[in-house]
Amino acid sequence: MCRSVRVRVRAWLLGRASRRDAGMVTSEYAVGIIAAVAFAAALYKVVTSGQVGAELQGIVGRALNVPM
């Protein structure tokens, strides 16, 4: 077998092997989306709580009242 043919065949086989597991399947997307939504909901609850809201307002207030 000619060297260039072997190189091409090897490249083709490596390309096929790398494409086999290239992406996520639908179930992995679903689990990822559910995890992202759960994280967003937890973050929303924390940010909208009274203590955190007051702290964020204080930070923004101090940032806007900085003398130039």
N, C-alpha and C. Protein backbone atom coordinates (compact mmCIF):
# COMPACT_ATOMS: atom_id res chain seq x y z
N MET A 1 0.85 -1.17 0.00
CA MET A 1 0.00 0.00 0.00
C MET A 1 0.90 1.24 0.00
N CYS A 2 0.56 2.18 -0.79
CA CYS A 2 1.34 3.41 -0.92
C CYS A 2 1.23 4.23 0.37
N ARG A 3 2.28 4.95 0.72
CA ARG A 3 2.31 5.73 1.96
C ARG A 3 1.21 6.78 1.98
N SER A 4 0.98 7.46 0.87
CA SER A 4 -0.05 8.51 0.85
C SER A 4 -1.44 7.93 1.05
N VAL A 5 -1.68 6.72 0.54
CA VAL A 5 -2.98 6.07 0.74
C VAL A 5 -3.15 5.72 2.21
N ARG A 6 -2.09 5.20 2.83
CA ARG A 6 -2.16 4.87 4.26
C ARG A 6 -2.44 6.12 5.09
N VAL A 7 -1.81 7.22 4.73
CA VAL A 7 -2.01 8.46 5.47
C VAL A 7 -3.46 8.93 5.33
N ARG A 8 -3.99 8.85 4.12
CA ARG A 8 -5.38 9.26 3.90
C ARG A 8 -6.36 8.36 4.63
N VAL A 9 -6.12 7.07 4.60
CA VAL A 9 -7.01 6.13 5.29
C VAL A 9 -6.96 6.38 6.80
N ARG A 10 -5.77 6.58 7.32
CA ARG A 10 -5.64 6.84 8.75
C ARG A 10 -6.36 8.14 9.14
N ALA A 11 -6.21 9.18 8.34
CA ALA A 11 -6.88 10.45 8.61
C ALA A 11 -8.39 10.28 8.56
N TRP A 12 -8.87 9.50 7.62
CA TRP A 12 -10.30 9.26 7.50
C TRP A 12 -10.82 8.51 8.72
N LEU A 13 -10.10 7.50 9.17
CA LEU A 13 -10.51 6.73 10.35
C LEU A 13 -10.49 7.58 11.61
N LEU A 14 -9.48 8.41 11.75
CA LEU A 14 -9.42 9.29 12.92
C LEU A 14 -10.55 10.31 12.90
N GLY A 15 -10.89 10.81 11.73
CA GLY A 15 -12.00 11.75 11.60
C GLY A 15 -13.32 11.12 11.99
N ARG A 16 -13.53 9.88 11.56
CA ARG A 16 -14.77 9.18 11.92
C ARG A 16 -14.84 8.91 13.42
N ALA A 17 -13.72 8.55 14.02
CA ALA A 17 -13.69 8.27 15.45
C ALA A 17 -13.98 9.52 16.27
N SER A 18 -13.46 10.65 15.83
CA SER A 18 -13.68 11.88 16.59
C SER A 18 -15.11 12.39 16.44
N ARG A 19 -15.75 12.11 15.32
CA ARG A 19 -17.13 12.56 15.12
C ARG A 19 -18.14 11.70 15.85
N ARG A 20 -17.75 10.51 16.25
CA ARG A 20 -18.69 9.60 16.88
C ARG A 20 -19.24 10.18 18.18
N ASP A 21 -18.38 10.82 18.99
CA ASP A 21 -18.80 11.39 20.26
C ASP A 21 -18.69 12.92 20.25
N ALA A 22 -19.00 13.52 19.14
CA ALA A 22 -18.76 14.95 19.00
C ALA A 22 -19.76 15.81 19.75
N GLY A 23 -21.00 15.35 19.95
CA GLY A 23 -22.00 16.20 20.57
C GLY A 23 -22.81 15.51 21.62
N MET A 24 -23.73 16.27 22.20
CA MET A 24 -24.59 15.71 23.22
C MET A 24 -25.85 15.15 22.56
N VAL A 25 -26.43 14.16 23.21
CA VAL A 25 -27.70 13.63 22.75
C VAL A 25 -28.82 14.41 23.42
N THR A 26 -30.04 14.18 22.98
CA THR A 26 -31.18 14.94 23.46
C THR A 26 -31.36 14.83 24.97
N SER A 27 -31.15 13.66 25.53
CA SER A 27 -31.31 13.50 26.98
C SER A 27 -30.28 14.34 27.75
N GLU A 28 -29.07 14.45 27.21
CA GLU A 28 -28.06 15.28 27.88
C GLU A 28 -28.43 16.75 27.80
N TYR A 29 -28.99 17.18 26.67
CA TYR A 29 -29.48 18.56 26.57
C TYR A 29 -30.57 18.80 27.59
N ALA A 30 -31.50 17.86 27.74
CA ALA A 30 -32.61 18.02 28.67
C ALA A 30 -32.10 18.14 30.10
N VAL A 31 -31.17 17.30 30.49
CA VAL A 31 -30.62 17.37 31.84
C VAL A 31 -29.87 18.68 32.04
N GLY A 32 -29.13 19.12 31.04
CA GLY A 32 -28.42 20.39 31.14
C GLY A 32 -29.36 21.57 31.28
N ILE A 33 -30.44 21.56 30.53
CA ILE A 33 -31.43 22.65 30.61
C ILE A 33 -32.11 22.66 31.97
N ILE A 34 -32.47 21.48 32.47
CA ILE A 34 -33.11 21.41 33.79
C ILE A 34 -32.17 21.91 34.87
N ALA A 35 -30.90 21.54 34.80
CA ALA A 35 -29.93 22.02 35.78
C ALA A 35 -29.77 23.54 35.69
N ALA A 36 -29.73 24.08 34.48
CA ALA A 36 -29.58 25.52 34.31
C ALA A 36 -30.79 26.27 34.85
N VAL A 37 -31.98 25.75 34.62
CA VAL A 37 -33.20 26.39 35.12
C VAL A 37 -33.24 26.32 36.65
N ALA A 38 -32.85 25.19 37.23
CA ALA A 38 -32.82 25.07 38.69
C ALA A 38 -31.82 26.05 39.29
N PHE A 39 -30.65 26.18 38.67
CA PHE A 39 -29.65 27.14 39.15
C PHE A 39 -30.18 28.57 39.04
N ALA A 40 -30.83 28.89 37.93
CA ALA A 40 -31.37 30.24 37.74
C ALA A 40 -32.45 30.53 38.78
N ALA A 41 -33.30 29.55 39.07
CA ALA A 41 -34.36 29.75 40.07
C ALA A 41 -33.76 29.98 41.45
N ALA A 42 -32.75 29.20 41.81
CA ALA A 42 -32.11 29.38 43.11
C ALA A 42 -31.42 30.74 43.19
N LEU A 43 -30.75 31.13 42.13
CA LEU A 43 -30.09 32.44 42.10
C LEU A 43 -31.11 33.57 42.19
N TYR A 44 -32.23 33.43 41.53
CA TYR A 44 -33.29 34.44 41.58
C TYR A 44 -33.83 34.58 43.01
N LYS A 45 -34.03 33.44 43.67
CA LYS A 45 -34.53 33.48 45.05
C LYS A 45 -33.53 34.19 45.97
N VAL A 46 -32.26 33.92 45.79
CA VAL A 46 -31.24 34.55 46.63
C VAL A 46 -31.17 36.05 46.37
N VAL A 47 -31.17 36.42 45.10
CA VAL A 47 -31.03 37.84 44.76
C VAL A 47 -32.25 38.64 45.16
N THR A 48 -33.43 38.05 45.10
CA THR A 48 -34.65 38.79 45.45
C THR A 48 -35.00 38.71 46.93
N SER A 49 -34.19 38.04 47.74
CA SER A 49 -34.45 38.00 49.17
C SER A 49 -34.20 39.39 49.75
N GLY A 50 -34.80 39.68 50.88
CA GLY A 50 -34.73 41.01 51.48
C GLY A 50 -33.32 41.45 51.81
N GLN A 51 -32.56 40.61 52.47
CA GLN A 51 -31.22 41.00 52.90
C GLN A 51 -30.29 41.24 51.71
N VAL A 52 -30.33 40.36 50.73
CA VAL A 52 -29.47 40.53 49.56
C VAL A 52 -29.90 41.74 48.74
N GLY A 53 -31.22 41.94 48.61
CA GLY A 53 -31.72 43.10 47.87
C GLY A 53 -31.26 44.41 48.50
N ALA A 54 -31.33 44.48 49.84
CA ALA A 54 -30.89 45.69 50.53
C ALA A 54 -29.39 45.90 50.36
N GLU A 55 -28.64 44.81 50.42
CA GLU A 55 -27.19 44.90 50.24
C GLU A 55 -26.84 45.38 48.83
N LEU A 56 -27.53 44.84 47.82
CA LEU A 56 -27.29 45.27 46.44
C LEU A 56 -27.66 46.73 46.23
N GLN A 57 -28.76 47.17 46.85
CA GLN A 57 -29.15 48.58 46.74
C GLN A 57 -28.10 49.48 47.39
N GLY A 58 -27.55 49.03 48.51
CA GLY A 58 -26.50 49.79 49.18
C GLY A 58 -25.25 49.91 48.32
N ILE A 59 -24.87 48.82 47.67
CA ILE A 59 -23.70 48.84 46.80
C ILE A 59 -23.90 49.78 45.63
N VAL A 60 -25.07 49.70 44.99
CA VAL A 60 -25.36 50.58 43.86
C VAL A 60 -25.43 52.03 44.32
N GLY A 61 -26.04 52.26 45.47
CA GLY A 61 -26.13 53.63 46.00
C GLY A 61 -24.77 54.22 46.28
N ARG A 62 -23.89 53.43 46.88
CA ARG A 62 -22.52 53.92 47.16
C ARG A 62 -21.77 54.17 45.85
N ALA A 63 -21.99 53.34 44.86
CA ALA A 63 -21.29 53.51 43.59
C ALA A 63 -21.76 54.78 42.87
N LEU A 64 -23.03 55.10 42.98
CA LEU A 64 -23.55 56.29 42.30
C LEU A 64 -23.22 57.57 43.05
N ASN A 65 -22.94 57.50 44.34
CA ASN A 65 -22.67 58.69 45.14
C ASN A 65 -21.18 58.92 45.37
N VAL A 66 -20.34 58.37 44.53
CA VAL A 66 -18.89 58.56 44.66
C VAL A 66 -18.54 59.94 44.14
N PRO A 67 -17.84 60.75 44.97
CA PRO A 67 -17.44 62.08 44.49
C PRO A 67 -16.37 61.97 43.40
N MET A 68 -16.46 62.82 42.43
CA MET A 68 -15.51 62.82 41.31
C MET A 68 -14.35 63.69 41.61
